[in-house]
Amino acid sequence: MTIEIVSVPSRRRALGFEVFERRYGPVLGEDEQPLRPWDDDLVRRTDQQCVWTVVDCDGVLRIVPGFVTVNYFARIVTRRGWSHVEFLNPGYVY
């Protein structure tokens, strides 16, 4: 299975959840929410480039690419994958 990778430019500020939602297309759960626990079955069987982590950064929830364990809050699975440029960006505010 091939996934579409979203190419984004590098930036200095975090963007909002609406931009994240439009770019990557979060997969909603049964409760119509994108947030999933770390042991969710969908998280485990999804391509790594479609998994994001919501982390608590000084009281602000940010969405960052990949599997992060420090200040972990939840995971988000998306329909489109992230490119490696996202590691240089400050994430998205949830």
PDB file of N, CA and C in Angstrom:
ATOM      1  N   MET A   1       0.841  -1.181   0.000  1.00  0.00           N
ATOM      2  CA  MET A   1       0.000   0.000   0.000  1.00  0.00           C
ATOM      3  C   MET A   1       0.887   1.245   0.000  1.00  0.00           C
ATOM      4  N   THR A   2       0.667   2.131  -0.929  1.00  0.00           N
ATOM      5  CA  THR A   2       1.423   3.382  -0.973  1.00  0.00           C
ATOM      6  C   THR A   2       0.589   4.493  -0.350  1.00  0.00           C
ATOM      7  N   ILE A   3       1.284   5.385   0.320  1.00  0.00           N
ATOM      8  CA  ILE A   3       0.596   6.522   0.927  1.00  0.00           C
ATOM      9  C   ILE A   3       1.062   7.800   0.254  1.00  0.00           C
ATOM     10  N   GLU A   4       0.181   8.756   0.213  1.00  0.00           N
ATOM     11  CA  GLU A   4       0.511  10.076  -0.325  1.00  0.00           C
ATOM     12  C   GLU A   4       1.281  10.838   0.758  1.00  0.00           C
ATOM     13  N   ILE A   5       2.438  11.388   0.392  1.00  0.00           N
ATOM     14  CA  ILE A   5       3.250  12.169   1.322  1.00  0.00           C
ATOM     15  C   ILE A   5       3.016  13.648   1.036  1.00  0.00           C
ATOM     16  N   VAL A   6       2.687  14.407   2.069  1.00  0.00           N
ATOM     17  CA  VAL A   6       2.444  15.834   1.924  1.00  0.00           C
ATOM     18  C   VAL A   6       3.776  16.562   2.065  1.00  0.00           C
ATOM     19  N   SER A   7       4.109  17.357   1.073  1.00  0.00           N
ATOM     20  CA  SER A   7       5.335  18.148   1.098  1.00  0.00           C
ATOM     21  C   SER A   7       5.000  19.554   1.585  1.00  0.00           C
ATOM     22  N   VAL A   8       5.693  20.001   2.625  1.00  0.00           N
ATOM     23  CA  VAL A   8       5.436  21.326   3.191  1.00  0.00           C
ATOM     24  C   VAL A   8       6.746  22.096   3.303  1.00  0.00           C
ATOM     25  N   PRO A   9       6.683  23.424   3.232  1.00  0.00           N
ATOM     26  CA  PRO A   9       7.903  24.220   3.417  1.00  0.00           C
ATOM     27  C   PRO A   9       8.263  24.308   4.903  1.00  0.00           C
ATOM     28  N   SER A  10       9.523  24.618   5.193  1.00  0.00           N
ATOM     29  CA  SER A  10       9.909  24.819   6.591  1.00  0.00           C
ATOM     30  C   SER A  10       9.363  26.168   7.064  1.00  0.00           C
ATOM     31  N   ARG A  11       9.100  26.263   8.359  1.00  0.00           N
ATOM     32  CA  ARG A  11       8.522  27.490   8.917  1.00  0.00           C
ATOM     33  C   ARG A  11       8.994  27.658  10.345  1.00  0.00           C
ATOM     34  N   ARG A  12       8.752  28.849  10.912  1.00  0.00           N
ATOM     35  CA  ARG A  12       9.203  29.162  12.273  1.00  0.00           C
ATOM     36  C   ARG A  12       8.087  29.155  13.308  1.00  0.00           C
ATOM     37  N   ARG A  13       6.838  29.206  12.879  1.00  0.00           N
ATOM     38  CA  ARG A  13       5.757  29.254  13.865  1.00  0.00           C
ATOM     39  C   ARG A  13       4.818  28.059  13.686  1.00  0.00           C
ATOM     40  N   ALA A  14       4.158  27.698  14.759  1.00  0.00           N
ATOM     41  CA  ALA A  14       3.202  26.600  14.739  1.00  0.00           C
ATOM     42  C   ALA A  14       1.912  27.058  14.061  1.00  0.00           C
ATOM     43  N   LEU A  15       1.315  26.174  13.298  1.00  0.00           N
ATOM     44  CA  LEU A  15       0.048  26.467  12.638  1.00  0.00           C
ATOM     45  C   LEU A  15      -1.082  25.824  13.432  1.00  0.00           C
ATOM     46  N   GLY A  16      -2.326  26.192  13.108  1.00  0.00           N
ATOM     47  CA  GLY A  16      -3.483  25.694  13.829  1.00  0.00           C
ATOM     48  C   GLY A  16      -3.941  24.320  13.387  1.00  0.00           C
ATOM     49  N   PHE A  17      -4.868  23.762  14.169  1.00  0.00           N
ATOM     50  CA  PHE A  17      -5.396  22.430  13.883  1.00  0.00           C
ATOM     51  C   PHE A  17      -6.139  22.399  12.551  1.00  0.00           C
ATOM     52  N   GLU A  18      -6.760  23.515  12.169  1.00  0.00           N
ATOM     53  CA  GLU A  18      -7.509  23.553  10.907  1.00  0.00           C
ATOM     54  C   GLU A  18      -6.581  23.296   9.720  1.00  0.00           C
ATOM     55  N   VAL A  19      -5.380  23.859   9.748  1.00  0.00           N
ATOM     56  CA  VAL A  19      -4.398  23.647   8.680  1.00  0.00           C
ATOM     57  C   VAL A  19      -3.956  22.189   8.688  1.00  0.00           C
ATOM     58  N   PHE A  20      -3.674  21.655   9.870  1.00  0.00           N
ATOM     59  CA  PHE A  20      -3.285  20.249  10.001  1.00  0.00           C
ATOM     60  C   PHE A  20      -4.367  19.336   9.441  1.00  0.00           C
ATOM     61  N   GLU A  21      -5.609  19.618   9.797  1.00  0.00           N
ATOM     62  CA  GLU A  21      -6.751  18.819   9.355  1.00  0.00           C
ATOM     63  C   GLU A  21      -6.882  18.830   7.830  1.00  0.00           C
ATOM     64  N   ARG A  22      -6.708  19.998   7.239  1.00  0.00           N
ATOM     65  CA  ARG A  22      -6.817  20.145   5.784  1.00  0.00           C
ATOM     66  C   ARG A  22      -5.666  19.431   5.066  1.00  0.00           C
ATOM     67  N   ARG A  23      -4.459  19.546   5.593  1.00  0.00           N
ATOM     68  CA  ARG A  23      -3.285  18.950   4.936  1.00  0.00           C
ATOM     69  C   ARG A  23      -3.240  17.425   5.048  1.00  0.00           C
ATOM     70  N   TYR A  24      -3.521  16.897   6.227  1.00  0.00           N
ATOM     71  CA  TYR A  24      -3.248  15.491   6.493  1.00  0.00           C
ATOM     72  C   TYR A  24      -4.477  14.598   6.637  1.00  0.00           C
ATOM     73  N   GLY A  25      -5.647  15.152   6.886  1.00  0.00           N
ATOM     74  CA  GLY A  25      -6.861  14.347   6.988  1.00  0.00           C
ATOM     75  C   GLY A  25      -6.848  13.344   8.126  1.00  0.00           C
ATOM     76  N   PRO A  26      -7.004  13.791   9.379  1.00  0.00           N
ATOM     77  CA  PRO A  26      -7.027  12.859  10.511  1.00  0.00           C
ATOM     78  C   PRO A  26      -8.164  11.843  10.394  1.00  0.00           C
ATOM     79  N   VAL A  27      -7.877  10.612  10.807  1.00  0.00           N
ATOM     80  CA  VAL A  27      -8.881   9.551  10.826  1.00  0.00           C
ATOM     81  C   VAL A  27      -9.599   9.641  12.166  1.00  0.00           C
ATOM     82  N   LEU A  28     -10.917   9.848  12.117  1.00  0.00           N
ATOM     83  CA  LEU A  28     -11.694   9.988  13.345  1.00  0.00           C
ATOM     84  C   LEU A  28     -12.063   8.630  13.908  1.00  0.00           C
ATOM     85  N   GLY A  29     -12.116   8.528  15.231  1.00  0.00           N
ATOM     86  CA  GLY A  29     -12.511   7.295  15.900  1.00  0.00           C
ATOM     87  C   GLY A  29     -14.017   7.190  16.004  1.00  0.00           C
ATOM     88  N   GLU A  30     -14.465   6.175  16.722  1.00  0.00           N
ATOM     89  CA  GLU A  30     -15.907   5.966  16.906  1.00  0.00           C
ATOM     90  C   GLU A  30     -16.572   7.130  17.624  1.00  0.00           C
ATOM     91  N   ASP A  31     -15.807   7.842  18.448  1.00  0.00           N
ATOM     92  CA  ASP A  31     -16.340   8.983  19.195  1.00  0.00           C
ATOM     93  C   ASP A  31     -16.227  10.290  18.403  1.00  0.00           C
ATOM     94  N   GLU A  32     -15.889  10.182  17.103  1.00  0.00           N
ATOM     95  CA  GLU A  32     -15.752  11.338  16.206  1.00  0.00           C
ATOM     96  C   GLU A  32     -14.600  12.258  16.612  1.00  0.00           C
ATOM     97  N   GLN A  33     -13.620  11.743  17.348  1.00  0.00           N
ATOM     98  CA  GLN A  33     -12.442  12.498  17.764  1.00  0.00           C
ATOM     99  C   GLN A  33     -11.200  11.887  17.119  1.00  0.00           C
ATOM    100  N   PRO A  34     -10.196  12.706  16.786  1.00  0.00           N
ATOM    101  CA  PRO A  34      -8.979  12.169  16.176  1.00  0.00           C
ATOM    102  C   PRO A  34      -7.990  11.583  17.177  1.00  0.00           C
ATOM    103  N   LEU A  35      -8.137  11.870  18.474  1.00  0.00           N
ATOM    104  CA  LEU A  35      -7.179  11.432  19.488  1.00  0.00           C
ATOM    105  C   LEU A  35      -7.326   9.952  19.796  1.00  0.00           C
ATOM    106  N   ARG A  36      -6.169   9.262  19.894  1.00  0.00           N
ATOM    107  CA  ARG A  36      -6.154   7.831  20.174  1.00  0.00           C
ATOM    108  C   ARG A  36      -5.124   7.537  21.252  1.00  0.00           C
ATOM    109  N   PRO A  37      -5.351   6.477  22.053  1.00  0.00           N
ATOM    110  CA  PRO A  37      -4.346   6.087  23.048  1.00  0.00           C
ATOM    111  C   PRO A  37      -3.142   5.435  22.371  1.00  0.00           C
ATOM    112  N   TRP A  38      -2.044   5.332  23.091  1.00  0.00           N
ATOM    113  CA  TRP A  38      -0.805   4.793  22.524  1.00  0.00           C
ATOM    114  C   TRP A  38      -0.942   3.341  22.079  1.00  0.00           C
ATOM    115  N   ASP A  39      -1.815   2.571  22.711  1.00  0.00           N
ATOM    116  CA  ASP A  39      -1.943   1.155  22.373  1.00  0.00           C
ATOM    117  C   ASP A  39      -3.089   0.860  21.412  1.00  0.00           C
ATOM    118  N   ASP A  40      -3.617   1.886  20.762  1.00  0.00           N
ATOM    119  CA  ASP A  40      -4.715   1.709  19.812  1.00  0.00           C
ATOM    120  C   ASP A  40      -4.269   0.801  18.664  1.00  0.00           C
ATOM    121  N   ASP A  41      -5.133  -0.118  18.247  1.00  0.00           N
ATOM    122  CA  ASP A  41      -4.812  -1.074  17.183  1.00  0.00           C
ATOM    123  C   ASP A  41      -4.508  -0.371  15.866  1.00  0.00           C
ATOM    124  N   LEU A  42      -5.255   0.689  15.528  1.00  0.00           N
ATOM    125  CA  LEU A  42      -5.024   1.423  14.284  1.00  0.00           C
ATOM    126  C   LEU A  42      -3.640   2.075  14.287  1.00  0.00           C
ATOM    127  N   VAL A  43      -3.212   2.594  15.432  1.00  0.00           N
ATOM    128  CA  VAL A  43      -1.884   3.208  15.540  1.00  0.00           C
ATOM    129  C   VAL A  43      -0.806   2.166  15.255  1.00  0.00           C
ATOM    130  N   ARG A  44      -0.970   0.964  15.775  1.00  0.00           N
ATOM    131  CA  ARG A  44       0.038  -0.088  15.609  1.00  0.00           C
ATOM    132  C   ARG A  44       0.157  -0.594  14.179  1.00  0.00           C
ATOM    133  N   ARG A  45      -0.937  -0.638  13.434  1.00  0.00           N
ATOM    134  CA  ARG A  45      -0.867  -1.214  12.082  1.00  0.00           C
ATOM    135  C   ARG A  45      -0.801  -0.164  10.967  1.00  0.00           C
ATOM    136  N   THR A  46      -0.690   1.101  11.305  1.00  0.00           N
ATOM    137  CA  THR A  46      -0.620   2.183  10.333  1.00  0.00           C
ATOM    138  C   THR A  46       0.825   2.492   9.975  1.00  0.00           C
ATOM    139  N   ASP A  47       1.045   2.924   8.738  1.00  0.00           N
ATOM    140  CA  ASP A  47       2.375   3.342   8.309  1.00  0.00           C
ATOM    141  C   ASP A  47       2.887   4.429   9.247  1.00  0.00           C
ATOM    142  N   GLN A  48       4.148   4.351   9.612  1.00  0.00           N
ATOM    143  CA  GLN A  48       4.754   5.263  10.583  1.00  0.00           C
ATOM    144  C   GLN A  48       4.620   6.728  10.166  1.00  0.00           C
ATOM    145  N   GLN A  49       4.631   7.022   8.875  1.00  0.00           N
ATOM    146  CA  GLN A  49       4.546   8.412   8.420  1.00  0.00           C
ATOM    147  C   GLN A  49       3.126   8.972   8.468  1.00  0.00           C
ATOM    148  N   CYS A  50       2.186   8.184   8.918  1.00  0.00           N
ATOM    149  CA  CYS A  50       0.815   8.668   9.096  1.00  0.00           C
ATOM    150  C   CYS A  50       0.437   8.774  10.567  1.00  0.00           C
ATOM    151  N   VAL A  51       1.428   8.593  11.460  1.00  0.00           N
ATOM    152  CA  VAL A  51       1.164   8.684  12.896  1.00  0.00           C
ATOM    153  C   VAL A  51       1.794   9.960  13.441  1.00  0.00           C
ATOM    154  N   TRP A  52       1.018  10.703  14.214  1.00  0.00           N
ATOM    155  CA  TRP A  52       1.447  11.940  14.858  1.00  0.00           C
ATOM    156  C   TRP A  52       1.249  11.775  16.358  1.00  0.00           C
ATOM    157  N   THR A  53       1.969  12.560  17.143  1.00  0.00           N
ATOM    158  CA  THR A  53       1.816  12.540  18.595  1.00  0.00           C
ATOM    159  C   THR A  53       1.428  13.934  19.072  1.00  0.00           C
ATOM    160  N   VAL A  54       0.446  13.971  19.957  1.00  0.00           N
ATOM    161  CA  VAL A  54       0.068  15.232  20.610  1.00  0.00           C
ATOM    162  C   VAL A  54       0.867  15.287  21.903  1.00  0.00           C
ATOM    163  N   VAL A  55       1.675  16.339  22.067  1.00  0.00           N
ATOM    164  CA  VAL A  55       2.510  16.508  23.257  1.00  0.00           C
ATOM    165  C   VAL A  55       2.136  17.794  23.982  1.00  0.00           C
ATOM    166  N   ASP A  56       2.378  17.793  25.285  1.00  0.00           N
ATOM    167  CA  ASP A  56       2.126  18.973  26.109  1.00  0.00           C
ATOM    168  C   ASP A  56       3.427  19.766  26.212  1.00  0.00           C
ATOM    169  N   CYS A  57       3.453  20.942  25.590  1.00  0.00           N
ATOM    170  CA  CYS A  57       4.629  21.815  25.627  1.00  0.00           C
ATOM    171  C   CYS A  57       4.285  23.056  26.446  1.00  0.00           C
ATOM    172  N   ASP A  58       4.639  23.038  27.714  1.00  0.00           N
ATOM    173  CA  ASP A  58       4.374  24.166  28.616  1.00  0.00           C
ATOM    174  C   ASP A  58       2.903  24.573  28.622  1.00  0.00           C
ATOM    175  N   GLY A  59       2.033  23.587  28.691  1.00  0.00           N
ATOM    176  CA  GLY A  59       0.603  23.853  28.771  1.00  0.00           C
ATOM    177  C   GLY A  59      -0.095  24.012  27.439  1.00  0.00           C
ATOM    178  N   VAL A  60       0.646  23.952  26.339  1.00  0.00           N
ATOM    179  CA  VAL A  60       0.058  24.046  24.997  1.00  0.00           C
ATOM    180  C   VAL A  60       0.181  22.683  24.331  1.00  0.00           C
ATOM    181  N   LEU A  61      -0.936  22.154  23.814  1.00  0.00           N
ATOM    182  CA  LEU A  61      -0.892  20.871  23.117  1.00  0.00           C
ATOM    183  C   LEU A  61      -0.449  21.091  21.683  1.00  0.00           C
ATOM    184  N   ARG A  62       0.631  20.413  21.283  1.00  0.00           N
ATOM    185  CA  ARG A  62       1.160  20.521  19.926  1.00  0.00           C
ATOM    186  C   ARG A  62       1.151  19.155  19.263  1.00  0.00           C
ATOM    187  N   ILE A  63       0.914  19.153  17.968  1.00  0.00           N
ATOM    188  CA  ILE A  63       0.922  17.930  17.178  1.00  0.00           C
ATOM    189  C   ILE A  63       2.249  17.866  16.438  1.00  0.00           C
ATOM    190  N   VAL A  64       3.014  16.798  16.692  1.00  0.00           N
ATOM    191  CA  VAL A  64       4.325  16.628  16.069  1.00  0.00           C
ATOM    192  C   VAL A  64       4.362  15.281  15.352  1.00  0.00           C
ATOM    193  N   PRO A  65       5.182  15.151  14.304  1.00  0.00           N
ATOM    194  CA  PRO A  65       5.217  13.905  13.542  1.00  0.00           C
ATOM    195  C   PRO A  65       5.906  12.766  14.287  1.00  0.00           C
ATOM    196  N   GLY A  66       5.418  11.555  14.059  1.00  0.00           N
ATOM    197  CA  GLY A  66       6.073  10.364  14.582  1.00  0.00           C
ATOM    198  C   GLY A  66       5.645   9.977  15.981  1.00  0.00           C
ATOM    199  N   PHE A  67       6.416   9.050  16.545  1.00  0.00           N
ATOM    200  CA  PHE A  67       6.152   8.517  17.883  1.00  0.00           C
ATOM    201  C   PHE A  67       7.035   9.229  18.901  1.00  0.00           C
ATOM    202  N   VAL A  68       6.446  10.083  19.710  1.00  0.00           N
ATOM    203  CA  VAL A  68       7.169  10.807  20.759  1.00  0.00           C
ATOM    204  C   VAL A  68       6.685  10.252  22.091  1.00  0.00           C
ATOM    205  N   THR A  69       7.596  10.060  23.037  1.00  0.00           N
ATOM    206  CA  THR A  69       7.194   9.526  24.342  1.00  0.00           C
ATOM    207  C   THR A  69       7.281  10.558  25.461  1.00  0.00           C
ATOM    208  N   VAL A  70       8.072  11.614  25.279  1.00  0.00           N
ATOM    209  CA  VAL A  70       8.201  12.641  26.308  1.00  0.00           C
ATOM    210  C   VAL A  70       7.021  13.607  26.199  1.00  0.00           C
ATOM    211  N   ASN A  71       6.372  13.876  27.322  1.00  0.00           N
ATOM    212  CA  ASN A  71       5.198  14.761  27.385  1.00  0.00           C
ATOM    213  C   ASN A  71       4.061  14.277  26.490  1.00  0.00           C
ATOM    214  N   TYR A  72       3.975  12.975  26.308  1.00  0.00           N
ATOM    215  CA  TYR A  72       2.944  12.358  25.466  1.00  0.00           C
ATOM    216  C   TYR A  72       1.543  12.634  26.002  1.00  0.00           C
ATOM    217  N   PHE A  73       0.609  12.960  25.109  1.00  0.00           N
ATOM    218  CA  PHE A  73      -0.791  13.154  25.476  1.00  0.00           C
ATOM    219  C   PHE A  73      -1.689  12.165  24.733  1.00  0.00           C
ATOM    220  N   ALA A  74      -1.518  12.049  23.398  1.00  0.00           N
ATOM    221  CA  ALA A  74      -2.329  11.142  22.576  1.00  0.00           C
ATOM    222  C   ALA A  74      -1.666  10.970  21.214  1.00  0.00           C
ATOM    223  N   ARG A  75      -2.196  10.079  20.405  1.00  0.00           N
ATOM    224  CA  ARG A  75      -1.733   9.883  19.027  1.00  0.00           C
ATOM    225  C   ARG A  75      -2.857  10.271  18.074  1.00  0.00           C
ATOM    226  N   ILE A  76      -2.450  10.663  16.852  1.00  0.00           N
ATOM    227  CA  ILE A  76      -3.395  10.946  15.773  1.00  0.00           C
ATOM    228  C   ILE A  76      -2.912  10.182  14.547  1.00  0.00           C
ATOM    229  N   VAL A  77      -3.827   9.490  13.876  1.00  0.00           N
ATOM    230  CA  VAL A  77      -3.526   8.789  12.629  1.00  0.00           C
ATOM    231  C   VAL A  77      -4.134   9.603  11.493  1.00  0.00           C
ATOM    232  N   THR A  78      -3.369   9.795  10.408  1.00  0.00           N
ATOM    233  CA  THR A  78      -3.851  10.592   9.280  1.00  0.00           C
ATOM    234  C   THR A  78      -3.906   9.766   7.996  1.00  0.00           C
ATOM    235  N   ARG A  79      -4.666  10.274   7.032  1.00  0.00           N
ATOM    236  CA  ARG A  79      -4.785   9.613   5.730  1.00  0.00           C
ATOM    237  C   ARG A  79      -3.560   9.853   4.851  1.00  0.00           C
ATOM    238  N   ARG A  80      -2.944  11.015   5.000  1.00  0.00           N
ATOM    239  CA  ARG A  80      -1.753  11.362   4.214  1.00  0.00           C
ATOM    240  C   ARG A  80      -0.548  11.453   5.142  1.00  0.00           C
ATOM    241  N   GLY A  81       0.594  11.039   4.662  1.00  0.00           N
ATOM    242  CA  GLY A  81       1.798  10.994   5.485  1.00  0.00           C
ATOM    243  C   GLY A  81       2.571  12.301   5.498  1.00  0.00           C
ATOM    244  N   TRP A  82       3.428  12.448   6.498  1.00  0.00           N
ATOM    245  CA  TRP A  82       4.260  13.640   6.632  1.00  0.00           C
ATOM    246  C   TRP A  82       5.600  13.418   5.959  1.00  0.00           C
ATOM    247  N   SER A  83       6.192  14.531   5.516  1.00  0.00           N
ATOM    248  CA  SER A  83       7.541  14.468   4.942  1.00  0.00           C
ATOM    249  C   SER A  83       8.547  14.775   6.048  1.00  0.00           C
ATOM    250  N   HIS A  84       9.806  14.519   5.803  1.00  0.00           N
ATOM    251  CA  HIS A  84      10.832  14.727   6.820  1.00  0.00           C
ATOM    252  C   HIS A  84      11.057  16.205   7.158  1.00  0.00           C
ATOM    253  N   VAL A  85      10.552  17.108   6.335  1.00  0.00           N
ATOM    254  CA  VAL A  85      10.652  18.540   6.639  1.00  0.00           C
ATOM    255  C   VAL A  85       9.865  18.870   7.917  1.00  0.00           C
ATOM    256  N   GLU A  86       8.821  18.098   8.201  1.00  0.00           N
ATOM    257  CA  GLU A  86       8.001  18.369   9.387  1.00  0.00           C
ATOM    258  C   GLU A  86       8.808  18.271  10.677  1.00  0.00           C
ATOM    259  N   PHE A  87       9.897  17.490  10.705  1.00  0.00           N
ATOM    260  CA  PHE A  87      10.720  17.400  11.916  1.00  0.00           C
ATOM    261  C   PHE A  87      11.403  18.724  12.224  1.00  0.00           C
ATOM    262  N   LEU A  88      11.604  19.580  11.213  1.00  0.00           N
ATOM    263  CA  LEU A  88      12.215  20.884  11.409  1.00  0.00           C
ATOM    264  C   LEU A  88      11.213  21.952  11.828  1.00  0.00           C
ATOM    265  N   ASN A  89       9.935  21.672  11.640  1.00  0.00           N
ATOM    266  CA  ASN A  89       8.873  22.634  11.940  1.00  0.00           C
ATOM    267  C   ASN A  89       8.415  22.525  13.391  1.00  0.00           C
ATOM    268  N   PRO A  90       7.832  23.600  13.941  1.00  0.00           N
ATOM    269  CA  PRO A  90       7.401  23.593  15.352  1.00  0.00           C
ATOM    270  C   PRO A  90       6.094  22.864  15.624  1.00  0.00           C
ATOM    271  N   GLY A  91       5.527  22.182  14.652  1.00  0.00           N
ATOM    272  CA  GLY A  91       4.298  21.426  14.860  1.00  0.00           C
ATOM    273  C   GLY A  91       3.055  22.260  14.621  1.00  0.00           C
ATOM    274  N   TYR A  92       1.934  21.711  15.063  1.00  0.00           N
ATOM    275  CA  TYR A  92       0.622  22.346  14.925  1.00  0.00           C
ATOM    276  C   TYR A  92       0.000  22.425  16.309  1.00  0.00           C
ATOM    277  N   VAL A  93      -0.707  23.509  16.599  1.00  0.00           N
ATOM    278  CA  VAL A  93      -1.372  23.674  17.899  1.00  0.00           C
ATOM    279  C   VAL A  93      -2.703  22.939  17.836  1.00  0.00           C
ATOM    280  N   TYR A  94      -2.944  22.067  18.835  1.00  0.00           N
ATOM    281  CA  TYR A  94      -4.191  21.304  18.856  1.00  0.00           C
ATOM    282  C   TYR A  94      -5.298  22.111  19.489  1.00  0.00           C
TER     283      TYR A  94
END
